[in-house]
Structures are given as C-alpha cells and as structure tokens.
C-alpha atoms as a PDB file:
ATOM      1  CA  UNK A   1    -213.085 -30.229-119.312  1.00  0.00           C
ATOM      2  CA  UNK A   2    -212.108 -31.238-116.049  1.00  0.00           C
ATOM      3  CA  UNK A   3    -212.082 -35.036-115.090  1.00  0.00           C
ATOM      4  CA  UNK A   4    -214.259 -34.295-111.922  1.00  0.00           C
ATOM      5  CA  UNK A   5    -215.008 -37.768-110.240  1.00  0.00           C
ATOM      6  CA  UNK A   6    -218.342 -37.952-107.765  1.00  0.00           C
ATOM      7  CA  UNK A   7    -216.435 -38.837-104.458  1.00  0.00           C
ATOM      8  CA  UNK A   8    -218.019 -40.751-101.488  1.00  0.00           C
ATOM      9  CA  UNK A   9    -216.381 -40.595 -98.009  1.00  0.00           C
ATOM     10  CA  UNK A  10    -216.057 -44.244 -97.935  1.00  0.00           C
ATOM     11  CA  UNK A  11    -217.697 -47.733 -98.092  1.00  0.00           C
ATOM     12  CA  UNK A  12    -219.626 -47.321 -94.871  1.00  0.00           C
ATOM     13  CA  UNK A  13    -220.312 -43.711 -95.374  1.00  0.00           C
ATOM     14  CA  UNK A  14    -217.861 -42.408 -92.983  1.00  0.00           C
ATOM     15  CA  UNK A  15    -214.457 -41.116 -93.326  1.00  0.00           C
ATOM     16  CA  UNK A  16    -211.428 -42.445 -91.474  1.00  0.00           C
ATOM     17  CA  UNK A  17    -210.583 -40.538 -88.062  1.00  0.00           C
ATOM     18  CA  UNK A  18    -206.823 -40.462 -88.997  1.00  0.00           C
ATOM     19  CA  UNK A  19    -206.483 -39.760 -92.549  1.00  0.00           C
ATOM     20  CA  UNK A  20    -202.781 -38.215 -92.491  1.00  0.00           C
ATOM     21  CA  UNK A  21    -200.103 -39.552 -95.120  1.00  0.00           C
ATOM     22  CA  UNK A  22    -197.463 -41.274 -93.779  1.00  0.00           C
ATOM     23  CA  UNK A  23    -194.649 -38.872 -94.689  1.00  0.00           C
ATOM     24  CA  UNK A  24    -196.667 -35.760 -93.201  1.00  0.00           C
ATOM     25  CA  UNK A  25    -197.123 -37.488 -90.030  1.00  0.00           C
ATOM     26  CA  UNK A  26    -193.523 -38.352 -89.838  1.00  0.00           C
ATOM     27  CA  UNK A  27    -192.806 -34.798 -90.629  1.00  0.00           C
ATOM     28  CA  UNK A  28    -195.158 -33.760 -87.830  1.00  0.00           C
ATOM     29  CA  UNK A  29    -193.259 -36.013 -85.716  1.00  0.00           C
ATOM     30  CA  UNK A  30    -189.885 -34.798 -86.460  1.00  0.00           C
ATOM     31  CA  UNK A  31    -190.725 -31.076 -85.782  1.00  0.00           C
ATOM     32  CA  UNK A  32    -192.648 -32.024 -82.608  1.00  0.00           C
ATOM     33  CA  UNK A  33    -189.354 -34.162 -81.465  1.00  0.00           C
ATOM     34  CA  UNK A  34    -186.737 -31.221 -82.497  1.00  0.00           C
ATOM     35  CA  UNK A  35    -189.194 -28.801 -80.450  1.00  0.00           C
ATOM     36  CA  UNK A  36    -189.549 -31.231 -77.429  1.00  0.00           C
ATOM     37  CA  UNK A  37    -185.465 -31.355 -77.461  1.00  0.00           C
ATOM     38  CA  UNK A  38    -185.177 -27.668 -77.585  1.00  0.00           C
ATOM     39  CA  UNK A  39    -187.732 -27.425 -74.723  1.00  0.00           C
ATOM     40  CA  UNK A  40    -186.741 -30.086 -72.087  1.00  0.00           C
ATOM     41  CA  UNK A  41    -183.283 -31.466 -73.344  1.00  0.00           C
ATOM     42  CA  UNK A  42    -180.933 -28.819 -74.284  1.00  0.00           C
ATOM     43  CA  UNK A  43    -179.757 -25.974 -72.043  1.00  0.00           C
ATOM     44  CA  UNK A  44    -180.201 -22.574 -73.038  1.00  0.00           C
ATOM     45  CA  UNK A  45    -176.869 -22.073 -74.339  1.00  0.00           C
ATOM     46  CA  UNK A  46    -177.127 -25.226 -76.053  1.00  0.00           C
ATOM     47  CA  UNK A  47    -180.160 -24.334 -77.640  1.00  0.00           C
ATOM     48  CA  UNK A  48    -178.839 -21.110 -78.966  1.00  0.00           C
ATOM     49  CA  UNK A  49    -176.109 -23.068 -80.856  1.00  0.00           C
ATOM     50  CA  UNK A  50    -178.569 -25.025 -82.665  1.00  0.00           C
ATOM     51  CA  UNK A  51    -180.609 -22.101 -83.663  1.00  0.00           C
ATOM     52  CA  UNK A  52    -177.465 -20.409 -84.762  1.00  0.00           C
ATOM     53  CA  UNK A  53    -176.472 -23.409 -86.732  1.00  0.00           C
ATOM     54  CA  UNK A  54    -180.044 -24.338 -88.246  1.00  0.00           C
ATOM     55  CA  UNK A  55    -181.961 -21.483 -88.769  1.00  0.00           C
ATOM     56  CA  UNK A  56    -181.990 -19.183 -91.573  1.00  0.00           C
ATOM     57  CA  UNK A  57    -179.561 -15.971 -90.846  1.00  0.00           C
ATOM     58  CA  UNK A  58    -179.679 -13.723 -94.164  1.00  0.00           C
ATOM     59  CA  UNK A  59    -176.385 -12.119 -92.867  1.00  0.00           C
ATOM     60  CA  UNK A  60    -174.803 -15.316 -92.718  1.00  0.00           C
ATOM     61  CA  UNK A  61    -174.371 -14.736 -96.482  1.00  0.00           C
ATOM     62  CA  UNK A  62    -173.615 -11.202 -97.036  1.00  0.00           C
ATOM     63  CA  UNK A  63    -171.853 -10.332 -93.706  1.00  0.00           C
ATOM     64  CA  UNK A  64    -168.673 -11.442 -91.917  1.00  0.00           C
ATOM     65  CA  UNK A  65    -169.913 -15.042 -91.320  1.00  0.00           C
ATOM     66  CA  UNK A  66    -167.647 -17.631 -92.972  1.00  0.00           C
ATOM     67  CA  UNK A  67    -169.470 -19.916 -95.277  1.00  0.00           C
ATOM     68  CA  UNK A  68    -169.572 -23.168 -93.559  1.00  0.00           C
ATOM     69  CA  UNK A  69    -171.766 -26.710 -94.020  1.00  0.00           C
ATOM     70  CA  UNK A  70    -174.570 -24.765 -92.124  1.00  0.00           C
ATOM     71  CA  UNK A  71    -174.913 -21.963 -94.835  1.00  0.00           C
ATOM     72  CA  UNK A  72    -175.839 -25.102 -97.264  1.00  0.00           C
ATOM     73  CA  UNK A  73    -178.131 -26.912 -94.662  1.00  0.00           C
ATOM     74  CA  UNK A  74    -179.876 -24.065 -92.759  1.00  0.00           C
ATOM     75  CA  UNK A  75    -182.325 -23.002 -95.799  1.00  0.00           C
ATOM     76  CA  UNK A  76    -183.791 -26.500 -95.106  1.00  0.00           C
ATOM     77  CA  UNK A  77    -183.343 -27.253 -91.472  1.00  0.00           C
ATOM     78  CA  UNK A  78    -184.853 -23.846 -90.546  1.00  0.00           C
ATOM     79  CA  UNK A  79    -188.350 -25.217 -91.394  1.00  0.00           C
ATOM     80  CA  UNK A  80    -188.211 -27.972 -88.692  1.00  0.00           C
ATOM     81  CA  UNK A  81    -187.619 -25.353 -85.743  1.00  0.00           C
ATOM     82  CA  UNK A  82    -190.764 -23.430 -84.425  1.00  0.00           C
ATOM     83  CA  UNK A  83    -190.734 -20.535 -81.790  1.00  0.00           C
ATOM     84  CA  UNK A  84    -193.201 -21.785 -79.240  1.00  0.00           C
ATOM     85  CA  UNK A  85    -195.880 -24.512 -79.023  1.00  0.00           C
ATOM     86  CA  UNK A  86    -198.480 -22.262 -80.629  1.00  0.00           C
ATOM     87  CA  UNK A  87    -196.214 -21.591 -83.674  1.00  0.00           C
ATOM     88  CA  UNK A  88    -195.580 -25.339 -83.889  1.00  0.00           C
ATOM     89  CA  UNK A  89    -199.434 -26.363 -83.315  1.00  0.00           C
ATOM     90  CA  UNK A  90    -200.634 -24.010 -86.299  1.00  0.00           C
ATOM     91  CA  UNK A  91    -198.050 -25.070 -88.673  1.00  0.00           C
ATOM     92  CA  UNK A  92    -198.662 -28.544 -88.170  1.00  0.00           C
ATOM     93  CA  UNK A  93    -202.389 -28.384 -88.541  1.00  0.00           C
ATOM     94  CA  UNK A  94    -202.252 -27.010 -91.850  1.00  0.00           C
ATOM     95  CA  UNK A  95    -199.597 -29.296 -92.711  1.00  0.00           C
ATOM     96  CA  UNK A  96    -201.865 -32.051 -92.168  1.00  0.00           C
ATOM     97  CA  UNK A  97    -204.353 -30.227 -93.986  1.00  0.00           C
ATOM     98  CA  UNK A  98    -202.880 -29.574 -96.987  1.00  0.00           C
ATOM     99  CA  UNK A  99    -199.906 -31.861 -96.818  1.00  0.00           C
ATOM    100  CA  UNK A 100    -201.581 -35.121 -96.734  1.00  0.00           C
ATOM    101  CA  UNK A 101    -203.859 -35.059-100.052  1.00  0.00           C
ATOM    102  CA  UNK A 102    -200.908 -33.586-101.763  1.00  0.00           C
ATOM    103  CA  UNK A 103    -198.651 -36.223-100.504  1.00  0.00           C
ATOM    104  CA  UNK A 104    -201.119 -38.840-101.401  1.00  0.00           C
ATOM    105  CA  UNK A 105    -201.298 -37.226-104.726  1.00  0.00           C
ATOM    106  CA  UNK A 106    -197.295 -36.782-105.743  1.00  0.00           C
ATOM    107  CA  UNK A 107    -195.915 -39.545-103.413  1.00  0.00           C
ATOM    108  CA  UNK A 108    -193.592 -39.369-100.468  1.00  0.00           C
ATOM    109  CA  UNK A 109    -190.478 -38.607-102.323  1.00  0.00           C
ATOM    110  CA  UNK A 110    -191.829 -35.991-104.549  1.00  0.00           C
ATOM    111  CA  UNK A 111    -193.517 -34.330-101.301  1.00  0.00           C
ATOM    112  CA  UNK A 112    -190.042 -34.168 -99.216  1.00  0.00           C
ATOM    113  CA  UNK A 113    -188.747 -32.867-102.575  1.00  0.00           C
ATOM    114  CA  UNK A 114    -191.477 -30.241-102.560  1.00  0.00           C
ATOM    115  CA  UNK A 115    -191.076 -29.306 -99.087  1.00  0.00           C
ATOM    116  CA  UNK A 116    -187.252 -28.822 -99.687  1.00  0.00           C
ATOM    117  CA  UNK A 117    -187.965 -26.424-102.760  1.00  0.00           C
ATOM    118  CA  UNK A 118    -190.579 -24.194-101.182  1.00  0.00           C
ATOM    119  CA  UNK A 119    -188.485 -23.723 -98.081  1.00  0.00           C
ATOM    120  CA  UNK A 120    -185.531 -22.645-100.328  1.00  0.00           C
ATOM    121  CA  UNK A 121    -187.660 -20.396-102.048  1.00  0.00           C
ATOM    122  CA  UNK A 122    -189.048 -18.769 -99.049  1.00  0.00           C
ATOM    123  CA  UNK A 123    -186.144 -17.740 -97.505  1.00  0.00           C
ATOM    124  CA  UNK A 124    -184.684 -16.888-100.738  1.00  0.00           C
ATOM    125  CA  UNK A 125    -187.148 -14.113-101.351  1.00  0.00           C
ATOM    126  CA  UNK A 126    -187.040 -13.278 -97.642  1.00  0.00           C
ATOM    127  CA  UNK A 127    -183.205 -12.814 -98.177  1.00  0.00           C
ATOM    128  CA  UNK A 128    -183.335 -10.825-101.099  1.00  0.00           C
ATOM    129  CA  UNK A 129    -185.568  -8.216 -98.948  1.00  0.00           C
ATOM    130  CA  UNK A 130    -183.453  -8.475 -95.861  1.00  0.00           C
ATOM    131  CA  UNK A 131    -179.802  -9.165 -96.729  1.00  0.00           C
ATOM    132  CA  UNK A 132    -178.099  -7.469 -93.820  1.00  0.00           C
ATOM    133  CA  UNK A 133    -180.638  -8.701 -91.320  1.00  0.00           C
ATOM    134  CA  UNK A 134    -179.216 -10.818 -88.324  1.00  0.00           C
ATOM    135  CA  UNK A 135    -182.645 -12.124 -87.395  1.00  0.00           C
ATOM    136  CA  UNK A 136    -183.371 -16.096 -87.161  1.00  0.00           C
ATOM    137  CA  UNK A 137    -185.908 -17.137 -89.618  1.00  0.00           C
ATOM    138  CA  UNK A 138    -187.538 -20.554 -88.693  1.00  0.00           C
ATOM    139  CA  UNK A 139    -190.971 -22.338 -89.056  1.00  0.00           C
ATOM    140  CA  UNK A 140    -192.276 -24.638 -91.645  1.00  0.00           C
ATOM    141  CA  UNK A 141    -194.792 -22.080 -92.622  1.00  0.00           C
ATOM    142  CA  UNK A 142    -192.943 -21.089 -96.196  1.00  0.00           C
ATOM    143  CA  UNK A 143    -193.397 -25.017 -96.937  1.00  0.00           C
ATOM    144  CA  UNK A 144    -197.272 -25.224 -95.805  1.00  0.00           C
ATOM    145  CA  UNK A 145    -197.588 -22.026 -97.715  1.00  0.00           C
ATOM    146  CA  UNK A 146    -196.500 -24.003-100.591  1.00  0.00           C
ATOM    147  CA  UNK A 147    -198.852 -26.589 -99.857  1.00  0.00           C
ATOM    148  CA  UNK A 148    -201.798 -24.205 -99.800  1.00  0.00           C
ATOM    149  CA  UNK A 149    -200.773 -22.734-103.313  1.00  0.00           C
ATOM    150  CA  UNK A 150    -200.837 -26.449-104.942  1.00  0.00           C
ATOM    151  CA  UNK A 151    -204.047 -27.200-103.331  1.00  0.00           C
ATOM    152  CA  UNK A 152    -205.437 -23.996-105.633  1.00  0.00           C
ATOM    153  CA  UNK A 153    -203.691 -25.269-108.739  1.00  0.00           C
ATOM    154  CA  UNK A 154    -206.042 -28.222-108.059  1.00  0.00           C
ATOM    155  CA  UNK A 155    -208.945 -26.363-107.551  1.00  0.00           C
ATOM    156  CA  UNK A 156    -209.129 -27.567-104.113  1.00  0.00           C
ATOM    157  CA  UNK A 157    -210.587 -30.798-105.632  1.00  0.00           C
ATOM    158  CA  UNK A 158    -210.006 -33.693-103.278  1.00  0.00           C
ATOM    159  CA  UNK A 159    -211.094 -37.153-104.121  1.00  0.00           C
ATOM    160  CA  UNK A 160    -212.159 -38.811-100.857  1.00  0.00           C
ATOM    161  CA  UNK A 161    -213.079 -42.429-101.936  1.00  0.00           C
ATOM    162  CA  UNK A 162    -211.624 -44.994 -99.995  1.00  0.00           C
ATOM    163  CA  UNK A 163    -209.024 -44.283 -97.261  1.00  0.00           C
ATOM    164  CA  UNK A 164    -206.616 -41.989 -98.775  1.00  0.00           C
ATOM    165  CA  UNK A 165    -207.269 -38.364 -99.733  1.00  0.00           C
ATOM    166  CA  UNK A 166    -205.447 -36.840-102.576  1.00  0.00           C
ATOM    167  CA  UNK A 167    -206.093 -33.976-104.962  1.00  0.00           C
ATOM    168  CA  UNK A 168    -208.202 -35.120-107.503  1.00  0.00           C
ATOM    169  CA  UNK A 169    -208.100 -34.201-111.432  1.00  0.00           C
ATOM    170  CA  UNK A 170    -205.464 -32.469-113.801  1.00  0.00           C
ATOM    171  CA  UNK A 171    -203.220 -29.646-113.070  1.00  0.00           C
ATOM    172  CA  UNK A 172    -205.087 -26.755-113.449  1.00  0.00           C
ATOM    173  CA  UNK A 173    -203.622 -23.979-115.997  1.00  0.00           C
ATOM    174  CA  UNK A 174    -203.466 -20.676-114.835  1.00  0.00           C
ATOM    175  CA  UNK A 175    -206.466 -19.195-116.808  1.00  0.00           C
ATOM    176  CA  UNK A 176    -208.553 -21.644-115.629  1.00  0.00           C
ATOM    177  CA  UNK A 177    -207.387 -21.337-111.958  1.00  0.00           C
ATOM    178  CA  UNK A 178    -208.237 -17.640-111.840  1.00  0.00           C
ATOM    179  CA  UNK A 179    -211.318 -17.950-113.357  1.00  0.00           C
ATOM    180  CA  UNK A 180    -212.606 -19.729-110.591  1.00  0.00           C
ATOM    181  CA  UNK A 181    -214.068 -17.615-107.835  1.00  0.00           C
ATOM    182  CA  UNK A 182    -213.398 -20.066-104.876  1.00  0.00           C
ATOM    183  CA  UNK A 183    -209.428 -19.925-105.874  1.00  0.00           C
ATOM    184  CA  UNK A 184    -209.462 -16.157-106.373  1.00  0.00           C
ATOM    185  CA  UNK A 185    -211.370 -15.627-103.127  1.00  0.00           C
ATOM    186  CA  UNK A 186    -208.775 -17.903-101.438  1.00  0.00           C
ATOM    187  CA  UNK A 187    -205.775 -16.096-103.098  1.00  0.00           C
ATOM    188  CA  UNK A 188    -207.209 -12.737-102.044  1.00  0.00           C
ATOM    189  CA  UNK A 189    -207.825 -13.793 -98.266  1.00  0.00           C
ATOM    190  CA  UNK A 190    -204.298 -15.235 -98.178  1.00  0.00           C
ATOM    191  CA  UNK A 191    -202.390 -12.468 -99.423  1.00  0.00           C
ATOM    192  CA  UNK A 192    -204.563 -10.108 -97.309  1.00  0.00           C
ATOM    193  CA  UNK A 193    -203.946 -11.995 -94.183  1.00  0.00           C
ATOM    194  CA  UNK A 194    -200.123 -11.933 -94.856  1.00  0.00           C
ATOM    195  CA  UNK A 195    -200.153  -8.234 -95.595  1.00  0.00           C
ATOM    196  CA  UNK A 196    -201.905  -7.476 -92.155  1.00  0.00           C
ATOM    197  CA  UNK A 197    -199.280  -9.895 -90.461  1.00  0.00           C
ATOM    198  CA  UNK A 198    -196.309  -8.128 -92.386  1.00  0.00           C
ATOM    199  CA  UNK A 199    -197.677  -4.625 -90.964  1.00  0.00           C
ATOM    200  CA  UNK A 200    -198.025  -6.096 -87.103  1.00  0.00           C
ATOM    201  CA  UNK A 201    -201.733  -5.673 -86.870  1.00  0.00           C
ATOM    202  CA  UNK A 202    -202.046  -9.479 -85.971  1.00  0.00           C
ATOM    203  CA  UNK A 203    -199.240  -9.422 -83.177  1.00  0.00           C
ATOM    204  CA  UNK A 204    -198.970  -5.780 -82.337  1.00  0.00           C
ATOM    205  CA  UNK A 205    -195.375  -4.726 -81.775  1.00  0.00           C
ATOM    206  CA  UNK A 206    -193.921  -7.777 -83.097  1.00  0.00           C
ATOM    207  CA  UNK A 207    -194.140  -7.004 -86.943  1.00  0.00           C
ATOM    208  CA  UNK A 208    -190.581  -8.403 -87.599  1.00  0.00           C
ATOM    209  CA  UNK A 209    -191.389 -11.801 -85.657  1.00  0.00           C
ATOM    210  CA  UNK A 210    -193.794 -12.936 -88.742  1.00  0.00           C
ATOM    211  CA  UNK A 211    -191.483 -13.563 -91.426  1.00  0.00           C
ATOM    212  CA  UNK A 212    -194.301 -12.875 -94.293  1.00  0.00           C
ATOM    213  CA  UNK A 213    -191.902 -12.439 -96.955  1.00  0.00           C
ATOM    214  CA  UNK A 214    -190.794 -16.024 -96.547  1.00  0.00           C
ATOM    215  CA  UNK A 215    -194.703 -17.089 -96.588  1.00  0.00           C
ATOM    216  CA  UNK A 216    -195.086 -15.293 -99.831  1.00  0.00           C
ATOM    217  CA  UNK A 217    -192.037 -16.748-101.402  1.00  0.00           C
ATOM    218  CA  UNK A 218    -192.929 -20.473-100.637  1.00  0.00           C
ATOM    219  CA  UNK A 219    -196.525 -19.844-101.673  1.00  0.00           C
ATOM    220  CA  UNK A 220    -195.495 -18.373-105.081  1.00  0.00           C
ATOM    221  CA  UNK A 221    -193.143 -21.315-105.865  1.00  0.00           C
ATOM    222  CA  UNK A 222    -196.058 -23.678-104.700  1.00  0.00           C
ATOM    223  CA  UNK A 223    -198.262 -22.063-106.900  1.00  0.00           C
ATOM    224  CA  UNK A 224    -196.091 -21.945-110.371  1.00  0.00           C
ATOM    225  CA  UNK A 225    -193.815 -25.001-109.461  1.00  0.00           C
ATOM    226  CA  UNK A 226    -196.163 -27.620-108.505  1.00  0.00           C
ATOM    227  CA  UNK A 227    -196.282 -28.815-111.974  1.00  0.00           C
ATOM    228  CA  UNK A 228    -192.341 -30.256-111.578  1.00  0.00           C
ATOM    229  CA  UNK A 229    -193.445 -32.765-108.898  1.00  0.00           C
ATOM    230  CA  UNK A 230    -196.828 -33.535-110.097  1.00  0.00           C
ATOM    231  CA  UNK A 231    -197.128 -37.429-111.266  1.00  0.00           C
ATOM    232  CA  UNK A 232    -200.167 -36.838-113.468  1.00  0.00           C
ATOM    233  CA  UNK A 233    -199.170 -33.425-115.179  1.00  0.00           C
ATOM    234  CA  UNK A 234    -202.469 -33.427-117.405  1.00  0.00           C
ATOM    235  CA  UNK A 235    -204.318 -30.115-118.137  1.00  0.00           C
ATOM    236  CA  UNK A 236    -207.699 -28.958-118.621  1.00  0.00           C
ATOM    237  CA  UNK A 237    -208.398 -28.113-122.362  1.00  0.00           C
ATOM    238  CA  UNK A 238    -209.871 -24.643-122.598  1.00  0.00           C
END
C-alpha cells in the first residue's frame, strides 16, 4: 500500500501565493537573465557567437568542427537559452509547476544534477536521430519534460502541508504507475501532443523548429532515472 498522507493547504486554510523552491527560482532568474542579455545587451553578431558556443549543434560532433570546450559544455548550456519570450515563458511556467515539488523532494543539489542529467539525455536522443544536422537546439524543454515524467513516478501526489509543496510518498514501481488511469492518460496526452508538434501541426511550416526528440529524450530519462536522485527511494509493495 502507498503511504498516503491527508494533506491540507496550510494552517490558515490557504496556500502560499509564492510557492517556488529556491533553486527553481534561481534557474528561472538565470534563464530570464540570459535571454535579457541576448535581447537587450548583445549585438546581433555577439548573439550569434553566443549561440554557436552555447547551443547544442549535432554537426559539432559528426562534422568538421574541432572538438573544443563547447563540445562538452553545450549539452547543458543549451538548456539556458530560449528562442523568444513565449518559448521562455512556457518553459519557466512548467518549470515552476513541476520543478518546485521535485526540488523540495530531492533537494537543490540533486535537482541541479537531475537538470543536467535530463538535459544531456534530451540532446543525446536528438543527436542520434539527427547526427548531420547543423540546426541549433536550445531551450529547457528537455529538462522540464524530465520533471513531468518524474511527477508521474510519484503518481502526481503532492504534500501541501506547510509552505513547501513536495512530491509525497514512495517512488512508484512501473507496474503501479502504469496501472493508474491518471498517469496513463497523462502519458498518452503528453506523447500525442509531442507527436503532433513533431509533425508540424502546432506550428504549421515550423516542424523543425520544435525539437520534439529532445522532449522525448528528457522525458524517458526522467521517468526511468528519477530513482537515482530520490532521497527516499521506498517502493510500494504490490
């Protein structure tokens, strides 16, 4: 049986207005600052130079590029870059929603490690499918997708007692996760939406602008890898 706790919004019956984990807020500020730097400070030439160095480029590893420092850093730094304000806003909203309870569950250090892990996994899958592609991959979507997948492994159970929302209960084994209708519906909707995006129906004519393979890579890594980062790795007996 799952150790399920009855949860209340707080002592006064209301949830805090600002309920974002410190490390999540720091990452949101960092991503916003990077985007502001690109838009308001750098010249177009400087912005291109930054993108070439910090974005993930598959051809960097299978073309005529020299393997340099950026070949090792860009599989992570790309996640701090965003194409426009809408791209940034959407990722930061989902980061706040799914990242905060995860960060409160596993702690700031493990959360950063999880961000790095899912970011690398995201572009790793993208690379294997597009080795000769020179298009730049940017955005935190891979890491955020990993957080969504991690939420599913906890059955979306959140402890709201006190001021720190955190995923509650033990890490659910796969048979239990896949036996829950809410989780299965979420997984189905998530993959269908990404399939539609990959086919270009969400943004007609811009199918290549959405790196849906990276979303899938981050999601799979988060779904199967969250146990490596969870401080309370207790499983439901079934």
